[in-house]
PDB file of N, CA and C in Angstrom:
ATOM      1  N   MET A   1     -84.653 -44.388-106.490  1.00  0.00           N
ATOM      2  CA  MET A   1     -84.961 -45.583-106.101  1.00  0.00           C
ATOM      3  C   MET A   1     -84.789 -45.861-104.842  1.00  0.00           C
ATOM      4  N   SER A   2     -86.039 -46.504-104.211  1.00  0.00           N
ATOM      5  CA  SER A   2     -86.183 -46.811-102.726  1.00  0.00           C
ATOM      6  C   SER A   2     -86.130 -48.268-102.307  1.00  0.00           C
ATOM      7  N   TYR A   3     -85.678 -48.540-101.198  1.00  0.00           N
ATOM      8  CA  TYR A   3     -85.496 -49.909-100.683  1.00  0.00           C
ATOM      9  C   TYR A   3     -86.248 -50.288 -99.557  1.00  0.00           C
ATOM     10  N   ASP A   4     -86.782 -51.287 -99.426  1.00  0.00           N
ATOM     11  CA  ASP A   4     -87.890 -51.543 -98.245  1.00  0.00           C
ATOM     12  C   ASP A   4     -86.824 -52.043 -97.085  1.00  0.00           C
ATOM     13  N   ASN A   5     -87.424 -51.884 -96.016  1.00  0.00           N
ATOM     14  CA  ASN A   5     -86.565 -52.297 -94.889  1.00  0.00           C
ATOM     15  C   ASN A   5     -86.530 -53.803 -94.674  1.00  0.00           C
ATOM     16  N   PRO A   6     -85.399 -54.121 -94.364  1.00  0.00           N
ATOM     17  CA  PRO A   6     -85.265 -55.845 -94.246  1.00  0.00           C
ATOM     18  C   PRO A   6     -86.227 -56.256 -93.161  1.00  0.00           C
ATOM     19  N   PRO A   7     -86.682 -57.557 -93.496  1.00  0.00           N
ATOM     20  CA  PRO A   7     -87.356 -58.034 -92.598  1.00  0.00           C
ATOM     21  C   PRO A   7     -86.791 -58.169 -91.167  1.00  0.00           C
ATOM     22  N   PRO A   8     -87.560 -58.259 -90.147  1.00  0.00           N
ATOM     23  CA  PRO A   8     -87.127 -58.374 -88.834  1.00  0.00           C
ATOM     24  C   PRO A   8     -86.695 -59.780 -88.587  1.00  0.00           C
ATOM     25  N   PRO A   9     -85.658 -60.194 -87.764  1.00  0.00           N
ATOM     26  CA  PRO A   9     -85.202 -61.425 -87.459  1.00  0.00           C
ATOM     27  C   PRO A   9     -86.415 -62.315 -86.666  1.00  0.00           C
ATOM     28  N   PRO A  10     -86.356 -63.591 -86.971  1.00  0.00           N
ATOM     29  CA  PRO A  10     -87.340 -64.330 -86.362  1.00  0.00           C
ATOM     30  C   PRO A  10     -87.163 -64.251 -84.703  1.00  0.00           C
ATOM     31  N   PRO A  11     -88.510 -64.309 -83.975  1.00  0.00           N
ATOM     32  CA  PRO A  11     -88.436 -64.437 -82.719  1.00  0.00           C
ATOM     33  C   PRO A  11     -87.613 -65.490 -81.943  1.00  0.00           C
ATOM     34  N   GLY A  12     -87.103 -65.216 -80.677  1.00  0.00           N
ATOM     35  CA  GLY A  12     -86.529 -66.180 -80.110  1.00  0.00           C
ATOM     36  C   GLY A  12     -85.181 -65.918 -79.860  1.00  0.00           C
ATOM     37  N   GLN A  13     -84.361 -66.598 -79.121  1.00  0.00           N
ATOM     38  CA  GLN A  13     -83.095 -66.382 -78.712  1.00  0.00           C
ATOM     39  C   GLN A  13     -82.083 -66.757 -79.867  1.00  0.00           C
ATOM     40  N   TYR A  14     -80.883 -66.135 -79.951  1.00  0.00           N
ATOM     41  CA  TYR A  14     -79.738 -66.515 -80.866  1.00  0.00           C
ATOM     42  C   TYR A  14     -79.227 -67.871 -80.477  1.00  0.00           C
ATOM     43  N   GLY A  15     -79.144 -68.798 -81.631  1.00  0.00           N
ATOM     44  CA  GLY A  15     -78.611 -70.232 -81.103  1.00  0.00           C
ATOM     45  C   GLY A  15     -79.898 -71.041 -80.598  1.00  0.00           C
ATOM     46  N   ALA A  16     -81.158 -70.522 -80.963  1.00  0.00           N
ATOM     47  CA  ALA A  16     -82.146 -71.544 -80.469  1.00  0.00           C
ATOM     48  C   ALA A  16     -82.255 -72.790 -81.572  1.00  0.00           C
ATOM     49  N   PRO A  17     -82.788 -73.901 -81.140  1.00  0.00           N
ATOM     50  CA  PRO A  17     -82.670 -74.952 -81.884  1.00  0.00           C
ATOM     51  C   PRO A  17     -83.842 -74.805 -83.016  1.00  0.00           C
ATOM     52  N   VAL A  18     -83.531 -75.230 -84.277  1.00  0.00           N
ATOM     53  CA  VAL A  18     -84.439 -75.046 -85.393  1.00  0.00           C
ATOM     54  C   VAL A  18     -85.448 -76.045 -85.166  1.00  0.00           C
ATOM     55  N   PRO A  19     -86.746 -75.714 -85.380  1.00  0.00           N
ATOM     56  CA  PRO A  19     -87.889 -76.853 -85.207  1.00  0.00           C
ATOM     57  C   PRO A  19     -87.614 -78.078 -86.115  1.00  0.00           C
ATOM     58  N   GLY A  20     -87.654 -79.151 -85.575  1.00  0.00           N
ATOM     59  CA  GLY A  20     -87.453 -80.311 -86.502  1.00  0.00           C
ATOM     60  C   GLY A  20     -86.030 -80.740 -86.601  1.00  0.00           C
ATOM     61  N   ALA A  21     -85.034 -79.884 -86.258  1.00  0.00           N
ATOM     62  CA  ALA A  21     -83.702 -80.277 -86.374  1.00  0.00           C
ATOM     63  C   ALA A  21     -83.404 -81.149 -85.156  1.00  0.00           C
ATOM     64  N   ALA A  22     -82.638 -82.182 -85.364  1.00  0.00           N
ATOM     65  CA  ALA A  22     -82.055 -82.991 -84.183  1.00  0.00           C
ATOM     66  C   ALA A  22     -80.869 -82.292 -83.537  1.00  0.00           C
ATOM     67  N   PRO A  23     -80.923 -82.491 -82.212  1.00  0.00           N
ATOM     68  CA  PRO A  23     -79.726 -81.745 -81.419  1.00  0.00           C
ATOM     69  C   PRO A  23     -78.640 -82.439 -81.721  1.00  0.00           C
ATOM     70  N   GLU A  24     -77.429 -81.910 -81.727  1.00  0.00           N
ATOM     71  CA  GLU A  24     -76.042 -82.575 -81.926  1.00  0.00           C
ATOM     72  C   GLU A  24     -75.471 -82.848 -80.524  1.00  0.00           C
ATOM     73  N   ASN A  25     -74.688 -83.973 -80.657  1.00  0.00           N
ATOM     74  CA  ASN A  25     -74.000 -84.245 -79.376  1.00  0.00           C
ATOM     75  C   ASN A  25     -72.712 -83.404 -79.122  1.00  0.00           C
ATOM     76  N   SER A  26     -72.531 -83.209 -77.653  1.00  0.00           N
ATOM     77  CA  SER A  26     -71.434 -82.463 -77.377  1.00  0.00           C
ATOM     78  C   SER A  26     -70.153 -83.226 -77.420  1.00  0.00           C
ATOM     79  N   GLY A  27     -69.287 -82.677 -78.145  1.00  0.00           N
ATOM     80  CA  GLY A  27     -67.938 -83.302 -78.169  1.00  0.00           C
ATOM     81  C   GLY A  27     -67.223 -83.206 -77.123  1.00  0.00           C
ATOM     82  N   LYS A  28     -67.611 -82.303 -75.973  1.00  0.00           N
ATOM     83  CA  LYS A  28     -66.788 -82.295 -74.624  1.00  0.00           C
ATOM     84  C   LYS A  28     -67.344 -83.233 -73.948  1.00  0.00           C
ATOM     85  N   ALA A  29     -68.569 -83.582 -74.080  1.00  0.00           N
ATOM     86  CA  ALA A  29     -69.216 -84.563 -73.051  1.00  0.00           C
ATOM     87  C   ALA A  29     -68.642 -86.045 -73.599  1.00  0.00           C
ATOM     88  N   LEU A  30     -68.517 -86.211 -74.734  1.00  0.00           N
ATOM     89  CA  LEU A  30     -67.998 -87.528 -75.383  1.00  0.00           C
ATOM     90  C   LEU A  30     -66.460 -87.636 -74.942  1.00  0.00           C
ATOM     91  N   ALA A  31     -65.764 -86.565 -74.806  1.00  0.00           N
ATOM     92  CA  ALA A  31     -64.427 -86.537 -74.618  1.00  0.00           C
ATOM     93  C   ALA A  31     -64.053 -86.901 -73.017  1.00  0.00           C
ATOM     94  N   SER A  32     -65.148 -86.272 -72.305  1.00  0.00           N
ATOM     95  CA  SER A  32     -65.138 -86.343 -70.895  1.00  0.00           C
ATOM     96  C   SER A  32     -65.451 -87.849 -70.466  1.00  0.00           C
ATOM     97  N   MET A  33     -66.434 -88.479 -71.177  1.00  0.00           N
ATOM     98  CA  MET A  33     -66.756 -89.845 -70.760  1.00  0.00           C
ATOM     99  C   MET A  33     -65.459 -90.924 -71.233  1.00  0.00           C
ATOM    100  N   ILE A  34     -64.766 -90.606 -72.507  1.00  0.00           N
ATOM    101  CA  ILE A  34     -63.546 -91.385 -72.889  1.00  0.00           C
ATOM    102  C   ILE A  34     -62.562 -91.361 -71.977  1.00  0.00           C
ATOM    103  N   THR A  35     -62.230 -90.054 -71.660  1.00  0.00           N
ATOM    104  CA  THR A  35     -61.173 -89.887 -70.660  1.00  0.00           C
ATOM    105  C   THR A  35     -61.366 -90.048 -69.332  1.00  0.00           C
ATOM    106  N   GLY A  36     -62.520 -90.165 -68.740  1.00  0.00           N
ATOM    107  CA  GLY A  36     -62.865 -90.908 -67.456  1.00  0.00           C
ATOM    108  C   GLY A  36     -62.813 -92.234 -67.573  1.00  0.00           C
ATOM    109  N   LEU A  37     -63.160 -93.033 -68.548  1.00  0.00           N
ATOM    110  CA  LEU A  37     -62.939 -94.394 -68.520  1.00  0.00           C
ATOM    111  C   LEU A  37     -61.466 -94.925 -68.597  1.00  0.00           C
ATOM    112  N   VAL A  38     -60.851 -94.221 -69.492  1.00  0.00           N
ATOM    113  CA  VAL A  38     -59.329 -94.299 -69.789  1.00  0.00           C
ATOM    114  C   VAL A  38     -58.709 -94.110 -68.410  1.00  0.00           C
ATOM    115  N   GLY A  39     -58.983 -93.080 -67.465  1.00  0.00           N
ATOM    116  CA  GLY A  39     -58.392 -92.834 -66.195  1.00  0.00           C
ATOM    117  C   GLY A  39     -58.816 -93.995 -65.398  1.00  0.00           C
ATOM    118  N   LEU A  40     -60.031 -94.541 -65.344  1.00  0.00           N
ATOM    119  CA  LEU A  40     -60.306 -95.652 -64.562  1.00  0.00           C
ATOM    120  C   LEU A  40     -59.631 -96.879 -64.801  1.00  0.00           C
ATOM    121  N   LEU A  41     -59.697 -97.311 -66.046  1.00  0.00           N
ATOM    122  CA  LEU A  41     -58.755 -98.619 -66.512  1.00  0.00           C
ATOM    123  C   LEU A  41     -57.392 -98.464 -66.407  1.00  0.00           C
ATOM    124  N   THR A  42     -56.800 -97.361 -66.485  1.00  0.00           N
ATOM    125  CA  THR A  42     -55.305 -97.244 -66.291  1.00  0.00           C
ATOM    126  C   THR A  42     -54.909 -96.718 -65.097  1.00  0.00           C
ATOM    127  N   ILE A  43     -55.639 -96.707 -64.070  1.00  0.00           N
ATOM    128  CA  ILE A  43     -55.309 -95.950 -62.608  1.00  0.00           C
ATOM    129  C   ILE A  43     -54.163 -96.953 -62.167  1.00  0.00           C
ATOM    130  N   CYS A  44     -53.954 -98.074 -62.342  1.00  0.00           N
ATOM    131  CA  CYS A  44     -52.710 -98.678 -61.725  1.00  0.00           C
ATOM    132  C   CYS A  44     -51.516 -97.999 -62.344  1.00  0.00           C
ATOM    133  N   CYS A  45     -51.390 -97.600 -63.353  1.00  0.00           N
ATOM    134  CA  CYS A  45     -50.174 -96.935 -63.951  1.00  0.00           C
ATOM    135  C   CYS A  45     -49.576 -95.529 -63.405  1.00  0.00           C
ATOM    136  N   GLY A  46     -50.728 -94.975 -62.819  1.00  0.00           N
ATOM    137  CA  GLY A  46     -50.242 -93.672 -62.352  1.00  0.00           C
ATOM    138  C   GLY A  46     -50.260 -92.473 -63.149  1.00  0.00           C
ATOM    139  N   LEU A  47     -49.536 -92.724 -64.292  1.00  0.00           N
ATOM    140  CA  LEU A  47     -49.467 -91.654 -65.197  1.00  0.00           C
ATOM    141  C   LEU A  47     -50.758 -91.081 -65.867  1.00  0.00           C
ATOM    142  N   PHE A  48     -51.828 -91.990 -65.889  1.00  0.00           N
ATOM    143  CA  PHE A  48     -53.063 -91.578 -66.482  1.00  0.00           C
ATOM    144  C   PHE A  48     -54.078 -90.818 -65.488  1.00  0.00           C
ATOM    145  N   VAL A  49     -53.467 -90.332 -64.399  1.00  0.00           N
ATOM    146  CA  VAL A  49     -54.515 -89.896 -63.326  1.00  0.00           C
ATOM    147  C   VAL A  49     -54.533 -88.382 -64.115  1.00  0.00           C
ATOM    148  N   VAL A  50     -54.003 -88.013 -64.940  1.00  0.00           N
ATOM    149  CA  VAL A  50     -54.403 -86.789 -65.517  1.00  0.00           C
ATOM    150  C   VAL A  50     -55.582 -86.972 -66.409  1.00  0.00           C
ATOM    151  N   SER A  51     -55.746 -88.097 -66.940  1.00  0.00           N
ATOM    152  CA  SER A  51     -57.052 -88.116 -67.665  1.00  0.00           C
ATOM    153  C   SER A  51     -58.305 -87.999 -66.873  1.00  0.00           C
ATOM    154  N   SER A  52     -58.107 -88.513 -65.528  1.00  0.00           N
ATOM    155  CA  SER A  52     -59.205 -88.493 -64.853  1.00  0.00           C
ATOM    156  C   SER A  52     -59.477 -86.858 -64.265  1.00  0.00           C
ATOM    157  N   ILE A  53     -58.550 -86.235 -64.165  1.00  0.00           N
ATOM    158  CA  ILE A  53     -58.619 -84.679 -63.947  1.00  0.00           C
ATOM    159  C   ILE A  53     -59.490 -84.128 -65.331  1.00  0.00           C
ATOM    160  N   VAL A  54     -58.753 -84.445 -66.268  1.00  0.00           N
ATOM    161  CA  VAL A  54     -59.408 -83.955 -67.789  1.00  0.00           C
ATOM    162  C   VAL A  54     -60.845 -84.153 -67.800  1.00  0.00           C
ATOM    163  N   ALA A  55     -61.117 -85.469 -67.357  1.00  0.00           N
ATOM    164  CA  ALA A  55     -62.586 -85.862 -67.588  1.00  0.00           C
ATOM    165  C   ALA A  55     -63.575 -85.371 -66.649  1.00  0.00           C
ATOM    166  N   LEU A  56     -62.883 -84.845 -65.393  1.00  0.00           N
ATOM    167  CA  LEU A  56     -63.791 -84.065 -64.571  1.00  0.00           C
ATOM    168  C   LEU A  56     -64.025 -82.618 -64.782  1.00  0.00           C
ATOM    169  N   VAL A  57     -62.864 -82.072 -65.371  1.00  0.00           N
ATOM    170  CA  VAL A  57     -63.195 -80.553 -65.935  1.00  0.00           C
ATOM    171  C   VAL A  57     -63.970 -80.589 -67.255  1.00  0.00           C
ATOM    172  N   LEU A  58     -63.801 -81.460 -68.067  1.00  0.00           N
ATOM    173  CA  LEU A  58     -64.347 -81.371 -69.417  1.00  0.00           C
ATOM    174  C   LEU A  58     -66.029 -81.752 -69.032  1.00  0.00           C
ATOM    175  N   GLY A  59     -66.200 -82.711 -68.225  1.00  0.00           N
ATOM    176  CA  GLY A  59     -67.542 -83.005 -67.931  1.00  0.00           C
ATOM    177  C   GLY A  59     -68.478 -81.863 -67.205  1.00  0.00           C
ATOM    178  N   LEU A  60     -67.810 -81.015 -66.228  1.00  0.00           N
ATOM    179  CA  LEU A  60     -68.284 -79.876 -65.857  1.00  0.00           C
ATOM    180  C   LEU A  60     -68.442 -78.846 -66.912  1.00  0.00           C
ATOM    181  N   ILE A  61     -67.637 -78.659 -67.865  1.00  0.00           N
ATOM    182  CA  ILE A  61     -67.813 -77.604 -68.700  1.00  0.00           C
ATOM    183  C   ILE A  61     -68.888 -78.052 -69.694  1.00  0.00           C
ATOM    184  N   ALA A  62     -68.858 -79.232 -70.179  1.00  0.00           N
ATOM    185  CA  ALA A  62     -70.074 -79.750 -71.082  1.00  0.00           C
ATOM    186  C   ALA A  62     -71.390 -79.630 -70.510  1.00  0.00           C
ATOM    187  N   ARG A  63     -71.485 -79.917 -69.221  1.00  0.00           N
ATOM    188  CA  ARG A  63     -72.971 -79.888 -68.586  1.00  0.00           C
ATOM    189  C   ARG A  63     -73.257 -78.438 -68.482  1.00  0.00           C
ATOM    190  N   ARG A  64     -72.438 -77.539 -68.352  1.00  0.00           N
ATOM    191  CA  ARG A  64     -72.687 -76.023 -68.263  1.00  0.00           C
ATOM    192  C   ARG A  64     -73.161 -75.595 -69.850  1.00  0.00           C
ATOM    193  N   GLU A  65     -72.369 -76.128 -70.869  1.00  0.00           N
ATOM    194  CA  GLU A  65     -72.913 -75.643 -72.162  1.00  0.00           C
ATOM    195  C   GLU A  65     -74.144 -76.356 -72.593  1.00  0.00           C
ATOM    196  N   ILE A  66     -74.350 -77.558 -72.230  1.00  0.00           N
ATOM    197  CA  ILE A  66     -75.619 -78.278 -72.794  1.00  0.00           C
ATOM    198  C   ILE A  66     -76.812 -77.726 -71.859  1.00  0.00           C
ATOM    199  N   ALA A  67     -76.598 -77.201 -70.703  1.00  0.00           N
ATOM    200  CA  ALA A  67     -77.837 -76.506 -70.110  1.00  0.00           C
ATOM    201  C   ALA A  67     -77.923 -75.288 -70.746  1.00  0.00           C
ATOM    202  N   ALA A  68     -76.899 -74.475 -71.238  1.00  0.00           N
ATOM    203  CA  ALA A  68     -77.163 -73.263 -71.718  1.00  0.00           C
ATOM    204  C   ALA A  68     -77.583 -73.111 -73.278  1.00  0.00           C
ATOM    205  N   SER A  69     -77.459 -74.279 -73.935  1.00  0.00           N
ATOM    206  CA  SER A  69     -77.732 -74.599 -75.253  1.00  0.00           C
ATOM    207  C   SER A  69     -79.120 -74.374 -75.606  1.00  0.00           C
ATOM    208  N   GLY A  70     -80.046 -74.585 -74.633  1.00  0.00           N
ATOM    209  CA  GLY A  70     -81.514 -74.558 -74.890  1.00  0.00           C
ATOM    210  C   GLY A  70     -81.949 -75.674 -75.802  1.00  0.00           C
ATOM    211  N   GLY A  71     -81.353 -76.903 -75.462  1.00  0.00           N
ATOM    212  CA  GLY A  71     -81.938 -77.992 -76.408  1.00  0.00           C
ATOM    213  C   GLY A  71     -81.041 -78.134 -77.695  1.00  0.00           C
ATOM    214  N   ARG A  72     -80.138 -77.365 -77.981  1.00  0.00           N
ATOM    215  CA  ARG A  72     -79.480 -77.497 -79.152  1.00  0.00           C
ATOM    216  C   ARG A  72     -78.314 -78.520 -79.091  1.00  0.00           C
ATOM    217  N   LEU A  73     -77.864 -78.754 -77.735  1.00  0.00           N
ATOM    218  CA  LEU A  73     -77.008 -79.767 -77.390  1.00  0.00           C
ATOM    219  C   LEU A  73     -77.454 -80.853 -76.520  1.00  0.00           C
ATOM    220  N   LYS A  74     -76.796 -82.111 -76.974  1.00  0.00           N
ATOM    221  CA  LYS A  74     -77.452 -83.086 -75.853  1.00  0.00           C
ATOM    222  C   LYS A  74     -75.907 -84.026 -75.617  1.00  0.00           C
ATOM    223  N   GLY A  75     -76.070 -84.886 -74.463  1.00  0.00           N
ATOM    224  CA  GLY A  75     -74.962 -85.579 -73.994  1.00  0.00           C
ATOM    225  C   GLY A  75     -74.877 -85.324 -72.567  1.00  0.00           C
ATOM    226  N   ASP A  76     -76.029 -85.012 -71.777  1.00  0.00           N
ATOM    227  CA  ASP A  76     -75.767 -84.663 -70.411  1.00  0.00           C
ATOM    228  C   ASP A  76     -75.298 -86.118 -69.762  1.00  0.00           C
ATOM    229  N   GLY A  77     -75.796 -87.154 -70.227  1.00  0.00           N
ATOM    230  CA  GLY A  77     -75.376 -88.452 -69.476  1.00  0.00           C
ATOM    231  C   GLY A  77     -73.845 -88.850 -69.642  1.00  0.00           C
ATOM    232  N   GLN A  78     -73.617 -88.592 -70.867  1.00  0.00           N
ATOM    233  CA  GLN A  78     -72.042 -88.732 -71.044  1.00  0.00           C
ATOM    234  C   GLN A  78     -71.089 -87.911 -70.281  1.00  0.00           C
ATOM    235  N   ALA A  79     -71.599 -86.461 -70.112  1.00  0.00           N
ATOM    236  CA  ALA A  79     -70.796 -85.654 -69.321  1.00  0.00           C
ATOM    237  C   ALA A  79     -70.896 -85.950 -67.852  1.00  0.00           C
ATOM    238  N   MET A  80     -71.984 -86.601 -67.418  1.00  0.00           N
ATOM    239  CA  MET A  80     -72.100 -86.981 -66.106  1.00  0.00           C
ATOM    240  C   MET A  80     -71.160 -88.331 -65.759  1.00  0.00           C
ATOM    241  N   THR A  81     -71.168 -89.103 -66.825  1.00  0.00           N
ATOM    242  CA  THR A  81     -70.355 -90.255 -66.630  1.00  0.00           C
ATOM    243  C   THR A  81     -68.909 -89.771 -66.612  1.00  0.00           C
ATOM    244  N   GLY A  82     -68.524 -88.849 -67.214  1.00  0.00           N
ATOM    245  CA  GLY A  82     -67.122 -88.357 -67.244  1.00  0.00           C
ATOM    246  C   GLY A  82     -66.670 -87.664 -65.879  1.00  0.00           C
ATOM    247  N   ILE A  83     -67.782 -87.034 -65.368  1.00  0.00           N
ATOM    248  CA  ILE A  83     -67.543 -86.500 -63.956  1.00  0.00           C
ATOM    249  C   ILE A  83     -67.468 -87.488 -62.951  1.00  0.00           C
ATOM    250  N   VAL A  84     -68.243 -88.527 -62.842  1.00  0.00           N
ATOM    251  CA  VAL A  84     -68.328 -89.587 -61.901  1.00  0.00           C
ATOM    252  C   VAL A  84     -66.994 -90.430 -62.138  1.00  0.00           C
ATOM    253  N   THR A  85     -66.534 -90.703 -63.309  1.00  0.00           N
ATOM    254  CA  THR A  85     -65.348 -91.527 -63.474  1.00  0.00           C
ATOM    255  C   THR A  85     -64.170 -90.846 -63.218  1.00  0.00           C
ATOM    256  N   GLY A  86     -64.073 -89.452 -63.541  1.00  0.00           N
ATOM    257  CA  GLY A  86     -63.067 -88.827 -63.089  1.00  0.00           C
ATOM    258  C   GLY A  86     -62.846 -88.610 -61.621  1.00  0.00           C
ATOM    259  N   ALA A  87     -63.936 -88.377 -60.902  1.00  0.00           N
ATOM    260  CA  ALA A  87     -63.970 -88.155 -59.318  1.00  0.00           C
ATOM    261  C   ALA A  87     -63.606 -89.493 -58.728  1.00  0.00           C
ATOM    262  N   ILE A  88     -64.034 -90.623 -59.359  1.00  0.00           N
ATOM    263  CA  ILE A  88     -63.693 -91.991 -58.787  1.00  0.00           C
ATOM    264  C   ILE A  88     -62.176 -92.205 -59.182  1.00  0.00           C
ATOM    265  N   GLY A  89     -61.579 -91.797 -60.165  1.00  0.00           N
ATOM    266  CA  GLY A  89     -60.216 -91.922 -60.454  1.00  0.00           C
ATOM    267  C   GLY A  89     -59.342 -91.145 -59.488  1.00  0.00           C
ATOM    268  N   ILE A  90     -59.678 -89.906 -59.321  1.00  0.00           N
ATOM    269  CA  ILE A  90     -59.160 -88.944 -58.463  1.00  0.00           C
ATOM    270  C   ILE A  90     -59.007 -89.687 -56.984  1.00  0.00           C
ATOM    271  N   ALA A  91     -60.276 -89.988 -56.426  1.00  0.00           N
ATOM    272  CA  ALA A  91     -60.543 -90.476 -55.221  1.00  0.00           C
ATOM    273  C   ALA A  91     -59.452 -91.825 -54.955  1.00  0.00           C
ATOM    274  N   LEU A  92     -59.502 -92.538 -55.972  1.00  0.00           N
ATOM    275  CA  LEU A  92     -58.663 -93.911 -55.956  1.00  0.00           C
ATOM    276  C   LEU A  92     -57.135 -93.465 -55.574  1.00  0.00           C
ATOM    277  N   LEU A  93     -56.691 -92.617 -56.539  1.00  0.00           N
ATOM    278  CA  LEU A  93     -55.472 -92.145 -56.493  1.00  0.00           C
ATOM    279  C   LEU A  93     -55.046 -91.402 -54.972  1.00  0.00           C
ATOM    280  N   ILE A  94     -55.895 -90.892 -54.490  1.00  0.00           N
ATOM    281  CA  ILE A  94     -55.832 -90.347 -53.135  1.00  0.00           C
ATOM    282  C   ILE A  94     -55.637 -91.358 -52.091  1.00  0.00           C
ATOM    283  N   VAL A  95     -56.580 -92.375 -52.254  1.00  0.00           N
ATOM    284  CA  VAL A  95     -56.496 -93.347 -51.154  1.00  0.00           C
ATOM    285  C   VAL A  95     -55.140 -94.185 -51.353  1.00  0.00           C
ATOM    286  N   SER A  96     -54.780 -94.526 -52.477  1.00  0.00           N
ATOM    287  CA  SER A  96     -53.539 -95.318 -52.819  1.00  0.00           C
ATOM    288  C   SER A  96     -52.414 -94.521 -52.372  1.00  0.00           C
ATOM    289  N   ILE A  97     -52.425 -93.215 -52.459  1.00  0.00           N
ATOM    290  CA  ILE A  97     -51.210 -92.486 -51.744  1.00  0.00           C
ATOM    291  C   ILE A  97     -51.241 -92.536 -50.312  1.00  0.00           C
ATOM    292  N   ILE A  98     -52.504 -92.342 -49.665  1.00  0.00           N
ATOM    293  CA  ILE A  98     -52.484 -92.648 -48.211  1.00  0.00           C
ATOM    294  C   ILE A  98     -52.118 -94.042 -47.691  1.00  0.00           C
ATOM    295  N   LEU A  99     -52.507 -95.053 -48.465  1.00  0.00           N
ATOM    296  CA  LEU A  99     -52.250 -96.320 -47.858  1.00  0.00           C
ATOM    297  C   LEU A  99     -50.620 -96.535 -48.180  1.00  0.00           C
ATOM    298  N   ILE A 100     -50.034 -96.125 -49.216  1.00  0.00           N
ATOM    299  CA  ILE A 100     -48.487 -96.370 -49.482  1.00  0.00           C
ATOM    300  C   ILE A 100     -47.817 -95.257 -48.517  1.00  0.00           C
ATOM    301  N   ALA A 101     -48.263 -94.122 -48.201  1.00  0.00           N
ATOM    302  CA  ALA A 101     -47.537 -93.187 -47.282  1.00  0.00           C
ATOM    303  C   ALA A 101     -47.576 -93.725 -45.644  1.00  0.00           C
ATOM    304  N   THR A 102     -48.921 -94.324 -45.494  1.00  0.00           N
ATOM    305  CA  THR A 102     -48.909 -94.929 -44.100  1.00  0.00           C
ATOM    306  C   THR A 102     -48.242 -96.307 -43.767  1.00  0.00           C
ATOM    307  N   GLY A 103     -47.907 -97.032 -44.984  1.00  0.00           N
ATOM    308  CA  GLY A 103     -47.057 -98.219 -44.783  1.00  0.00           C
ATOM    309  C   GLY A 103     -48.071 -99.335 -44.983  1.00  0.00           C
ATOM    310  N   VAL A 104     -49.293 -99.478 -45.190  1.00  0.00           N
ATOM    311  CA  VAL A 104     -50.270-100.443 -45.188  1.00  0.00           C
ATOM    312  C   VAL A 104     -50.051-101.155 -46.452  1.00  0.00           C
ATOM    313  N   VAL A 105     -49.701-100.558 -47.515  1.00  0.00           N
ATOM    314  CA  VAL A 105     -49.234-101.382 -48.943  1.00  0.00           C
ATOM    315  C   VAL A 105     -47.741-101.209 -48.954  1.00  0.00           C
ATOM    316  N   ASP A 106     -47.041-102.362 -49.024  1.00  0.00           N
ATOM    317  CA  ASP A 106     -45.599-102.255 -49.123  1.00  0.00           C
ATOM    318  C   ASP A 106     -45.349-102.226 -50.678  1.00  0.00           C
ATOM    319  N   THR A 107     -44.506-101.334 -50.836  1.00  0.00           N
ATOM    320  CA  THR A 107     -43.977-101.243 -52.276  1.00  0.00           C
ATOM    321  C   THR A 107     -42.481-101.755 -52.496  1.00  0.00           C
ATOM    322  N   ASN A 108     -42.067-102.452 -51.421  1.00  0.00           N
ATOM    323  CA  ASN A 108     -40.801-103.285 -51.622  1.00  0.00           C
ATOM    324  C   ASN A 108     -41.061-104.707 -52.224  1.00  0.00           C
ATOM    325  N   PHE A 109     -40.732-104.813 -53.611  1.00  0.00           N
ATOM    326  CA  PHE A 109     -41.069-106.067 -54.362  1.00  0.00           C
ATOM    327  C   PHE A 109     -40.210-106.928 -54.298  1.00  0.00           C
ATOM    328  N   ASP A 110     -39.369-107.227 -53.163  1.00  0.00           N
ATOM    329  CA  ASP A 110     -38.363-108.202 -52.977  1.00  0.00           C
ATOM    330  C   ASP A 110     -38.983-109.638 -52.747  1.00  0.00           C
ATOM    331  N   TYR A 111     -38.979-110.427 -53.728  1.00  0.00           N
ATOM    332  CA  TYR A 111     -39.407-111.760 -53.561  1.00  0.00           C
ATOM    333  C   TYR A 111     -38.513-112.758 -53.315  1.00  0.00           C
ATOM    334  N   SER A 112     -37.273-112.399 -52.876  1.00  0.00           N
ATOM    335  CA  SER A 112     -36.288-113.557 -52.841  1.00  0.00           C
ATOM    336  C   SER A 112     -36.492-114.403 -51.573  1.00  0.00           C
ATOM    337  N   THR A 113     -36.200-115.683 -51.857  1.00  0.00           N
ATOM    338  CA  THR A 113     -36.455-116.630 -50.785  1.00  0.00           C
ATOM    339  C   THR A 113     -35.311-117.086 -50.054  1.00  0.00           C
ATOM    340  N   SER A 114     -34.230-116.486 -50.066  1.00  0.00           N
ATOM    341  CA  SER A 114     -33.077-116.869 -49.274  1.00  0.00           C
ATOM    342  C   SER A 114     -32.744-115.947 -48.180  1.00  0.00           C
TER     343      SER A 114
END
């Protein structure tokens, strides 16, 4: 009994988009955008500066993966939003640290009138 050779794989790169299939959204890009916005909205708390750092890192990773996917992934705008909002959140933190350290902003909240 003889077997025929298996057919060759289709041409193109591994992971190439299937014609007619819609590209899927990158989860890292969405997470980057959400954590960046959370970092901006809660910058006054100080604790959530971590989310700005996470947004920046996730945005950079997501953009790299989207560029390497060859059209299989989308969400470049979301990743860019995460990068920008993360960078703004980090910059605001640095500015606030400088203003507090130089005494421009007074952190003594003593409002007594006597």
